[in-house]
Amino acid sequence: MALDLKTKEHIRGIRKAGRIVAACHKALSKRIAPGVTTLEIDRFVERFMLDRGAAPAQKGYKGYPFATCASVNEVVCHGFPDSVPLETGDIVTIDMVADLDGWKADSAWTYAIGQTTSATEKLMLAAEQALFDGIKQAVPGNRLGDIGHAVQARAERAGFQVVTAFVGHGIGRSMHEYPEVVHAGEPGQGIQLEEGMVITIEPIITAGRPDIFIAQDGWTARTVDNGWAAQFEHTVAVTKEGPVILTRWD
């Protein structure tokens, strides 16, 4: 399958969508608190995007009914937003994709609800560090295995496991494009990265076993052993100047 390499103009379009995603995550970081429900978060995200001329690309994708995926504690990804209030000590991953003028940008972030444990903080830190270790490898001439190896090495050094059932992907006009980005692997293996590739890097790190199962709703993925999971994701452009994070927020 051929790579869909993006021009600088294309990347500017994705970056515009990415700025909306980044601004939404930043706004969420100040709103997420004990007592808030993930359904309230979902409605906030949808309204935030619509007010800025974008659309939540996940809503309606293969029948998915919400603007976000909201994955709490042992849910690794694709959790349905619901009316259950978040509690102090929980963690929740909010995954969103904005579509602006046909260009899409994708980012997930794990948030701690109030005060959490040191073990949970360690899990979240390892997952975030694994993301940025992977991003550092997203340069022309490297291979996808270099990204996966960097992610896996960081997670395992911290005593955690990578959930390999889910992968990153190319992104642009479509939410999921070629290639798949596996978050484990060997250096020097896989497709060579080229200038103009735009991919998501989105490792899911778990405190327990990496095995998962899908709930009856056909979407929600949970760990088999109820181990908690954290995920951090950015949309990244591969350029000759180095990796450019198109969904960066501070």
C-alpha atoms as a PDB file:
ATOM      1  CA  MET A   1       0.000   0.000   0.000  1.00  0.00           C
ATOM      2  CA  ALA A   2       1.344   3.429  -0.945  1.00  0.00           C
ATOM      3  CA  LEU A   3       2.025   6.125   1.614  1.00  0.00           C
ATOM      4  CA  ASP A   4      -0.114   9.260   1.377  1.00  0.00           C
ATOM      5  CA  LEU A   5       2.594  11.877   1.805  1.00  0.00           C
ATOM      6  CA  LYS A   6       1.377  15.343   2.771  1.00  0.00           C
ATOM      7  CA  THR A   7       2.532  18.652   1.346  1.00  0.00           C
ATOM      8  CA  LYS A   8       3.323  21.606   3.594  1.00  0.00           C
ATOM      9  CA  GLU A   9      -0.110  22.997   2.729  1.00  0.00           C
ATOM     10  CA  HIS A  10      -1.760  19.734   3.758  1.00  0.00           C
ATOM     11  CA  ILE A  11       0.131  19.761   7.039  1.00  0.00           C
ATOM     12  CA  ARG A  12      -1.012  23.323   7.685  1.00  0.00           C
ATOM     13  CA  GLY A  13      -4.595  22.101   7.290  1.00  0.00           C
ATOM     14  CA  ILE A  14      -4.044  19.278   9.773  1.00  0.00           C
ATOM     15  CA  ARG A  15      -2.322  21.694  12.153  1.00  0.00           C
ATOM     16  CA  LYS A  16      -5.398  23.975  12.128  1.00  0.00           C
ATOM     17  CA  ALA A  17      -7.547  21.016  13.176  1.00  0.00           C
ATOM     18  CA  GLY A  18      -4.875  20.087  15.696  1.00  0.00           C
ATOM     19  CA  ARG A  19      -5.002  23.505  17.308  1.00  0.00           C
ATOM     20  CA  ILE A  20      -8.698  23.018  18.014  1.00  0.00           C
ATOM     21  CA  VAL A  21      -8.012  19.609  19.565  1.00  0.00           C
ATOM     22  CA  ALA A  22      -5.178  21.052  21.654  1.00  0.00           C
ATOM     23  CA  ALA A  23      -7.281  23.989  22.851  1.00  0.00           C
ATOM     24  CA  CYS A  24     -10.098  21.615  23.763  1.00  0.00           C
ATOM     25  CA  HIS A  25      -7.792  19.391  25.834  1.00  0.00           C
ATOM     26  CA  LYS A  26      -6.417  22.462  27.589  1.00  0.00           C
ATOM     27  CA  ALA A  27      -9.940  23.622  28.407  1.00  0.00           C
ATOM     28  CA  LEU A  28     -10.869  20.131  29.609  1.00  0.00           C
ATOM     29  CA  SER A  29      -7.885  20.012  31.936  1.00  0.00           C
ATOM     30  CA  LYS A  30      -9.492  22.826  33.931  1.00  0.00           C
ATOM     31  CA  ARG A  31     -12.986  21.306  33.927  1.00  0.00           C
ATOM     32  CA  ILE A  32     -12.378  17.644  34.751  1.00  0.00           C
ATOM     33  CA  ALA A  33     -12.961  17.091  38.460  1.00  0.00           C
ATOM     34  CA  PRO A  34     -14.695  14.745  40.879  1.00  0.00           C
ATOM     35  CA  GLY A  35     -18.445  14.686  40.203  1.00  0.00           C
ATOM     36  CA  VAL A  36     -18.173  15.502  36.496  1.00  0.00           C
ATOM     37  CA  THR A  37     -19.532  12.821  34.171  1.00  0.00           C
ATOM     38  CA  THR A  38     -17.915  11.674  30.942  1.00  0.00           C
ATOM     39  CA  LEU A  39     -21.211  12.388  29.170  1.00  0.00           C
ATOM     40  CA  GLU A  40     -20.881  16.038  30.260  1.00  0.00           C
ATOM     41  CA  ILE A  41     -17.315  16.012  28.953  1.00  0.00           C
ATOM     42  CA  ASP A  42     -18.502  14.571  25.644  1.00  0.00           C
ATOM     43  CA  ARG A  43     -21.108  17.300  25.208  1.00  0.00           C
ATOM     44  CA  PHE A  44     -18.547  19.966  26.076  1.00  0.00           C
ATOM     45  CA  VAL A  45     -16.094  18.639  23.459  1.00  0.00           C
ATOM     46  CA  GLU A  46     -18.720  18.471  20.726  1.00  0.00           C
ATOM     47  CA  ARG A  47     -19.909  22.032  21.406  1.00  0.00           C
ATOM     48  CA  PHE A  48     -16.295  23.286  21.631  1.00  0.00           C
ATOM     49  CA  MET A  49     -15.525  21.910  18.164  1.00  0.00           C
ATOM     50  CA  LEU A  50     -18.760  23.051  16.549  1.00  0.00           C
ATOM     51  CA  ASP A  51     -18.302  26.570  17.912  1.00  0.00           C
ATOM     52  CA  ARG A  52     -14.928  26.725  16.110  1.00  0.00           C
ATOM     53  CA  GLY A  53     -16.182  25.453  12.783  1.00  0.00           C
ATOM     54  CA  ALA A  54     -14.968  21.880  13.244  1.00  0.00           C
ATOM     55  CA  ALA A  55     -16.816  18.596  13.633  1.00  0.00           C
ATOM     56  CA  PRO A  56     -16.102  15.675  15.991  1.00  0.00           C
ATOM     57  CA  ALA A  57     -14.921  13.088  13.470  1.00  0.00           C
ATOM     58  CA  GLN A  58     -15.430  10.106  15.777  1.00  0.00           C
ATOM     59  CA  LYS A  59     -19.188  10.667  16.010  1.00  0.00           C
ATOM     60  CA  GLY A  60     -20.810   8.358  13.490  1.00  0.00           C
ATOM     61  CA  TYR A  61     -17.541   6.647  12.512  1.00  0.00           C
ATOM     62  CA  LYS A  62     -18.510   3.014  11.909  1.00  0.00           C
ATOM     63  CA  GLY A  63     -21.589   3.731  13.997  1.00  0.00           C
ATOM     64  CA  TYR A  64     -19.755   5.120  17.028  1.00  0.00           C
ATOM     65  CA  PRO A  65     -22.348   7.304  18.792  1.00  0.00           C
ATOM     66  CA  PHE A  66     -20.246   9.890  20.644  1.00  0.00           C
ATOM     67  CA  ALA A  67     -17.889  12.807  19.994  1.00  0.00           C
ATOM     68  CA  THR A  68     -15.224  11.340  22.289  1.00  0.00           C
ATOM     69  CA  CYS A  69     -13.966   8.088  23.664  1.00  0.00           C
ATOM     70  CA  ALA A  70     -13.900   8.297  27.468  1.00  0.00           C
ATOM     71  CA  SER A  71     -11.967   5.448  29.050  1.00  0.00           C
ATOM     72  CA  VAL A  72     -11.956   5.207  32.842  1.00  0.00           C
ATOM     73  CA  ASN A  73      -9.434   3.229  34.921  1.00  0.00           C
ATOM     74  CA  GLU A  74      -9.236  -0.336  33.505  1.00  0.00           C
ATOM     75  CA  VAL A  75     -10.806   0.678  30.172  1.00  0.00           C
ATOM     76  CA  VAL A  76      -7.875   0.922  27.770  1.00  0.00           C
ATOM     77  CA  CYS A  77      -9.708   2.712  24.947  1.00  0.00           C
ATOM     78  CA  HIS A  78     -13.001   3.280  23.104  1.00  0.00           C
ATOM     79  CA  GLY A  79     -14.999   3.722  26.293  1.00  0.00           C
ATOM     80  CA  PHE A  80     -18.527   5.111  25.917  1.00  0.00           C
ATOM     81  CA  PRO A  81     -19.227   8.379  27.757  1.00  0.00           C
ATOM     82  CA  ASP A  82     -21.871   7.853  30.458  1.00  0.00           C
ATOM     83  CA  SER A  83     -23.663   9.535  33.349  1.00  0.00           C
ATOM     84  CA  VAL A  84     -21.545   8.008  36.134  1.00  0.00           C
ATOM     85  CA  PRO A  85     -19.740  10.778  38.063  1.00  0.00           C
ATOM     86  CA  LEU A  86     -15.959  10.573  38.080  1.00  0.00           C
ATOM     87  CA  GLU A  87     -14.530   9.989  41.545  1.00  0.00           C
ATOM     88  CA  THR A  88     -11.394  11.202  43.285  1.00  0.00           C
ATOM     89  CA  GLY A  89      -8.542   8.844  42.409  1.00  0.00           C
ATOM     90  CA  ASP A  90      -9.956   7.797  39.030  1.00  0.00           C
ATOM     91  CA  ILE A  91      -8.145   8.351  35.770  1.00  0.00           C
ATOM     92  CA  VAL A  92      -9.893   8.993  32.477  1.00  0.00           C
ATOM     93  CA  THR A  93      -8.538   9.076  28.946  1.00  0.00           C
ATOM     94  CA  ILE A  94     -10.370  11.460  26.622  1.00  0.00           C
ATOM     95  CA  ASP A  95      -9.714  10.720  22.941  1.00  0.00           C
ATOM     96  CA  MET A  96     -10.968  13.148  20.301  1.00  0.00           C
ATOM     97  CA  VAL A  97     -10.614  13.837  16.585  1.00  0.00           C
ATOM     98  CA  ALA A  98     -11.458  17.208  15.037  1.00  0.00           C
ATOM     99  CA  ASP A  99     -12.392  17.544  11.374  1.00  0.00           C
ATOM    100  CA  LEU A 100     -11.781  21.049  10.034  1.00  0.00           C
ATOM    101  CA  ASP A 101     -12.291  21.665   6.317  1.00  0.00           C
ATOM    102  CA  GLY A 102     -11.797  17.948   5.678  1.00  0.00           C
ATOM    103  CA  TRP A 103      -8.492  17.666   7.577  1.00  0.00           C
ATOM    104  CA  LYS A 104      -8.388  15.610  10.749  1.00  0.00           C
ATOM    105  CA  ALA A 105      -6.243  15.715  13.875  1.00  0.00           C
ATOM    106  CA  ASP A 106      -6.324  13.208  16.718  1.00  0.00           C
ATOM    107  CA  SER A 107      -5.164  13.351  20.326  1.00  0.00           C
ATOM    108  CA  ALA A 108      -5.868  11.469  23.543  1.00  0.00           C
ATOM    109  CA  TRP A 109      -4.879  12.466  27.068  1.00  0.00           C
ATOM    110  CA  THR A 110      -5.199  10.751  30.426  1.00  0.00           C
ATOM    111  CA  TYR A 111      -6.383  12.951  33.287  1.00  0.00           C
ATOM    112  CA  ALA A 112      -6.205  12.232  37.001  1.00  0.00           C
ATOM    113  CA  ILE A 113      -9.401  13.031  38.887  1.00  0.00           C
ATOM    114  CA  GLY A 114      -8.441  14.934  42.024  1.00  0.00           C
ATOM    115  CA  GLN A 115      -5.726  13.383  44.158  1.00  0.00           C
ATOM    116  CA  THR A 116      -4.499  10.015  42.927  1.00  0.00           C
ATOM    117  CA  THR A 117      -1.999   7.438  44.180  1.00  0.00           C
ATOM    118  CA  SER A 118       1.741   7.482  43.590  1.00  0.00           C
ATOM    119  CA  ALA A 119       1.402   4.207  41.651  1.00  0.00           C
ATOM    120  CA  THR A 120      -1.137   5.777  39.304  1.00  0.00           C
ATOM    121  CA  GLU A 121       1.036   8.871  38.889  1.00  0.00           C
ATOM    122  CA  LYS A 122       3.938   6.610  37.947  1.00  0.00           C
ATOM    123  CA  LEU A 123       1.774   4.844  35.331  1.00  0.00           C
ATOM    124  CA  MET A 124       0.651   8.123  33.797  1.00  0.00           C
ATOM    125  CA  LEU A 125       4.173   9.538  33.730  1.00  0.00           C
ATOM    126  CA  ALA A 126       5.539   6.422  32.026  1.00  0.00           C
ATOM    127  CA  ALA A 127       2.804   6.548  29.391  1.00  0.00           C
ATOM    128  CA  GLU A 128       3.431  10.221  28.650  1.00  0.00           C
ATOM    129  CA  GLN A 129       7.197   9.719  28.522  1.00  0.00           C
ATOM    130  CA  ALA A 130       6.725   6.725  26.220  1.00  0.00           C
ATOM    131  CA  LEU A 131       4.743   8.905  23.822  1.00  0.00           C
ATOM    132  CA  PHE A 132       7.460  11.540  23.653  1.00  0.00           C
ATOM    133  CA  ASP A 133      10.220   8.929  23.341  1.00  0.00           C
ATOM    134  CA  GLY A 134       8.321   7.541  20.341  1.00  0.00           C
ATOM    135  CA  ILE A 135       7.857  10.996  18.831  1.00  0.00           C
ATOM    136  CA  LYS A 136      11.622  11.635  18.962  1.00  0.00           C
ATOM    137  CA  GLN A 137      12.092   8.710  16.561  1.00  0.00           C
ATOM    138  CA  ALA A 138       9.654  10.120  13.962  1.00  0.00           C
ATOM    139  CA  VAL A 139      12.300  11.437  11.584  1.00  0.00           C
ATOM    140  CA  PRO A 140      12.965  10.688   7.898  1.00  0.00           C
ATOM    141  CA  GLY A 141      15.113   7.588   7.470  1.00  0.00           C
ATOM    142  CA  ASN A 142      14.065   5.931  10.702  1.00  0.00           C
ATOM    143  CA  ARG A 143      11.599   3.065  10.657  1.00  0.00           C
ATOM    144  CA  LEU A 144       8.343   2.384  12.432  1.00  0.00           C
ATOM    145  CA  GLY A 145      10.137  -0.193  14.561  1.00  0.00           C
ATOM    146  CA  ASP A 146      12.291   2.599  15.993  1.00  0.00           C
ATOM    147  CA  ILE A 147       9.155   4.316  17.296  1.00  0.00           C
ATOM    148  CA  GLY A 148       7.715   1.100  18.710  1.00  0.00           C
ATOM    149  CA  HIS A 149      10.976   0.092  20.347  1.00  0.00           C
ATOM    150  CA  ALA A 150      11.380   3.481  22.047  1.00  0.00           C
ATOM    151  CA  VAL A 151       7.830   3.314  23.427  1.00  0.00           C
ATOM    152  CA  GLN A 152       8.172  -0.267  24.634  1.00  0.00           C
ATOM    153  CA  ALA A 153      11.564   0.303  26.215  1.00  0.00           C
ATOM    154  CA  ARG A 154      10.335   3.281  28.245  1.00  0.00           C
ATOM    155  CA  ALA A 155       7.231   1.431  29.448  1.00  0.00           C
ATOM    156  CA  GLU A 156       9.077  -1.724  30.431  1.00  0.00           C
ATOM    157  CA  ARG A 157      11.876   0.158  32.205  1.00  0.00           C
ATOM    158  CA  ALA A 158       9.185   1.678  34.400  1.00  0.00           C
ATOM    159  CA  GLY A 159       7.683  -1.761  35.115  1.00  0.00           C
ATOM    160  CA  PHE A 160       4.655  -1.523  32.797  1.00  0.00           C
ATOM    161  CA  GLN A 161       3.380  -3.254  29.653  1.00  0.00           C
ATOM    162  CA  VAL A 162       2.264  -1.947  26.251  1.00  0.00           C
ATOM    163  CA  VAL A 163      -1.222  -2.909  25.063  1.00  0.00           C
ATOM    164  CA  THR A 164      -0.346  -3.955  21.511  1.00  0.00           C
ATOM    165  CA  ALA A 165      -3.922  -4.777  20.472  1.00  0.00           C
ATOM    166  CA  PHE A 166      -4.319  -1.133  19.407  1.00  0.00           C
ATOM    167  CA  VAL A 167      -2.083   0.915  17.137  1.00  0.00           C
ATOM    168  CA  GLY A 168      -1.447   4.388  15.839  1.00  0.00           C
ATOM    169  CA  HIS A 169      -2.077   5.225  12.196  1.00  0.00           C
ATOM    170  CA  GLY A 170      -1.657   7.632   9.376  1.00  0.00           C
ATOM    171  CA  ILE A 171      -4.105  10.530   9.357  1.00  0.00           C
ATOM    172  CA  GLY A 172      -5.179  13.319   7.022  1.00  0.00           C
ATOM    173  CA  ARG A 173      -8.353  13.427   4.971  1.00  0.00           C
ATOM    174  CA  SER A 174      -9.312  10.125   6.584  1.00  0.00           C
ATOM    175  CA  MET A 175      -9.153   9.405  10.304  1.00  0.00           C
ATOM    176  CA  HIS A 176      -7.305   6.119   9.769  1.00  0.00           C
ATOM    177  CA  GLU A 177      -4.785   5.929   6.965  1.00  0.00           C
ATOM    178  CA  TYR A 178      -1.849   3.696   6.129  1.00  0.00           C
ATOM    179  CA  PRO A 179       0.443   2.794   7.873  1.00  0.00           C
ATOM    180  CA  GLU A 180      -0.328   1.256  11.240  1.00  0.00           C
ATOM    181  CA  VAL A 181       2.009   2.417  14.020  1.00  0.00           C
ATOM    182  CA  VAL A 182       2.701  -0.418  16.450  1.00  0.00           C
ATOM    183  CA  HIS A 183       3.948   0.663  19.886  1.00  0.00           C
ATOM    184  CA  ALA A 184       6.402  -2.187  20.320  1.00  0.00           C
ATOM    185  CA  GLY A 185       9.076  -3.684  18.121  1.00  0.00           C
ATOM    186  CA  GLU A 186      12.682  -3.829  17.094  1.00  0.00           C
ATOM    187  CA  PRO A 187      14.834  -0.929  15.898  1.00  0.00           C
ATOM    188  CA  GLY A 188      15.416  -0.823  12.161  1.00  0.00           C
ATOM    189  CA  GLN A 189      12.320  -2.866  11.340  1.00  0.00           C
ATOM    190  CA  GLY A 190       9.172  -1.865   9.463  1.00  0.00           C
ATOM    191  CA  ILE A 191       8.334   0.859   6.973  1.00  0.00           C
ATOM    192  CA  GLN A 192      10.865   3.623   6.525  1.00  0.00           C
ATOM    193  CA  LEU A 193       9.627   7.047   7.594  1.00  0.00           C
ATOM    194  CA  GLU A 194       9.519   9.713   4.909  1.00  0.00           C
ATOM    195  CA  GLU A 195       9.114  13.460   4.925  1.00  0.00           C
ATOM    196  CA  GLY A 196       5.422  14.290   4.582  1.00  0.00           C
ATOM    197  CA  MET A 197       4.100  11.379   6.597  1.00  0.00           C
ATOM    198  CA  VAL A 198       1.553  12.390   9.240  1.00  0.00           C
ATOM    199  CA  ILE A 199       0.890   9.743  11.876  1.00  0.00           C
ATOM    200  CA  THR A 200      -0.575   9.317  15.315  1.00  0.00           C
ATOM    201  CA  ILE A 201       1.572   7.911  18.090  1.00  0.00           C
ATOM    202  CA  GLU A 202      -0.726   6.759  20.886  1.00  0.00           C
ATOM    203  CA  PRO A 203       0.703   4.154  23.267  1.00  0.00           C
ATOM    204  CA  ILE A 204      -1.548   2.549  25.852  1.00  0.00           C
ATOM    205  CA  ILE A 205       0.405   1.463  28.927  1.00  0.00           C
ATOM    206  CA  THR A 206      -1.014  -0.806  31.608  1.00  0.00           C
ATOM    207  CA  ALA A 207      -0.029  -1.625  35.168  1.00  0.00           C
ATOM    208  CA  GLY A 208      -1.059  -5.256  34.691  1.00  0.00           C
ATOM    209  CA  ARG A 209      -1.211  -7.709  31.820  1.00  0.00           C
ATOM    210  CA  PRO A 210      -1.627  -6.255  28.323  1.00  0.00           C
ATOM    211  CA  ASP A 211      -4.459  -8.645  27.422  1.00  0.00           C
ATOM    212  CA  ILE A 212      -7.827  -7.031  26.702  1.00  0.00           C
ATOM    213  CA  PHE A 213     -11.415  -7.957  25.906  1.00  0.00           C
ATOM    214  CA  ILE A 214     -14.189  -6.068  24.117  1.00  0.00           C
ATOM    215  CA  ALA A 215     -17.426  -5.416  26.001  1.00  0.00           C
ATOM    216  CA  GLN A 216     -20.882  -6.269  24.676  1.00  0.00           C
ATOM    217  CA  ASP A 217     -21.287  -2.780  23.190  1.00  0.00           C
ATOM    218  CA  GLY A 218     -18.703  -3.821  20.593  1.00  0.00           C
ATOM    219  CA  TRP A 219     -16.363  -0.929  21.400  1.00  0.00           C
ATOM    220  CA  THR A 220     -15.256  -0.672  25.022  1.00  0.00           C
ATOM    221  CA  ALA A 221     -11.882  -2.398  25.546  1.00  0.00           C
ATOM    222  CA  ARG A 222     -10.918  -3.442  29.079  1.00  0.00           C
ATOM    223  CA  THR A 223      -7.933  -5.195  30.565  1.00  0.00           C
ATOM    224  CA  VAL A 224      -8.595  -8.834  31.403  1.00  0.00           C
ATOM    225  CA  ASP A 225      -7.070  -8.477  34.876  1.00  0.00           C
ATOM    226  CA  ASN A 226      -8.642  -5.059  35.662  1.00  0.00           C
ATOM    227  CA  GLY A 227      -5.232  -3.387  35.626  1.00  0.00           C
ATOM    228  CA  TRP A 228      -5.503   0.337  35.020  1.00  0.00           C
ATOM    229  CA  ALA A 229      -4.271   1.854  31.769  1.00  0.00           C
ATOM    230  CA  ALA A 230      -3.092   5.278  30.604  1.00  0.00           C
ATOM    231  CA  GLN A 231      -2.809   6.626  27.073  1.00  0.00           C
ATOM    232  CA  PHE A 232      -1.297   9.748  25.574  1.00  0.00           C
ATOM    233  CA  GLU A 233      -1.535  10.551  21.867  1.00  0.00           C
ATOM    234  CA  HIS A 234      -0.394  13.243  19.472  1.00  0.00           C
ATOM    235  CA  THR A 235      -0.698  13.742  15.735  1.00  0.00           C
ATOM    236  CA  VAL A 236       2.837  14.135  14.380  1.00  0.00           C
ATOM    237  CA  ALA A 237       4.259  15.264  11.033  1.00  0.00           C
ATOM    238  CA  VAL A 238       7.531  13.763   9.840  1.00  0.00           C
ATOM    239  CA  THR A 239       9.672  16.601   8.442  1.00  0.00           C
ATOM    240  CA  LYS A 240      13.308  17.091   7.536  1.00  0.00           C
ATOM    241  CA  GLU A 241      13.540  19.506  10.463  1.00  0.00           C
ATOM    242  CA  GLY A 242      12.360  16.769  12.821  1.00  0.00           C
ATOM    243  CA  PRO A 243       9.022  15.637  14.208  1.00  0.00           C
ATOM    244  CA  VAL A 244       6.369  18.347  14.439  1.00  0.00           C
ATOM    245  CA  ILE A 245       3.569  17.805  16.965  1.00  0.00           C
ATOM    246  CA  LEU A 246       0.376  19.121  15.356  1.00  0.00           C
ATOM    247  CA  THR A 247      -1.753  18.702  18.496  1.00  0.00           C
ATOM    248  CA  ARG A 248       0.662  20.133  21.057  1.00  0.00           C
ATOM    249  CA  TRP A 249      -0.759  21.952  24.075  1.00  0.00           C
ATOM    250  CA  ASP A 250       0.875  23.239  27.243  1.00  0.00           C
END
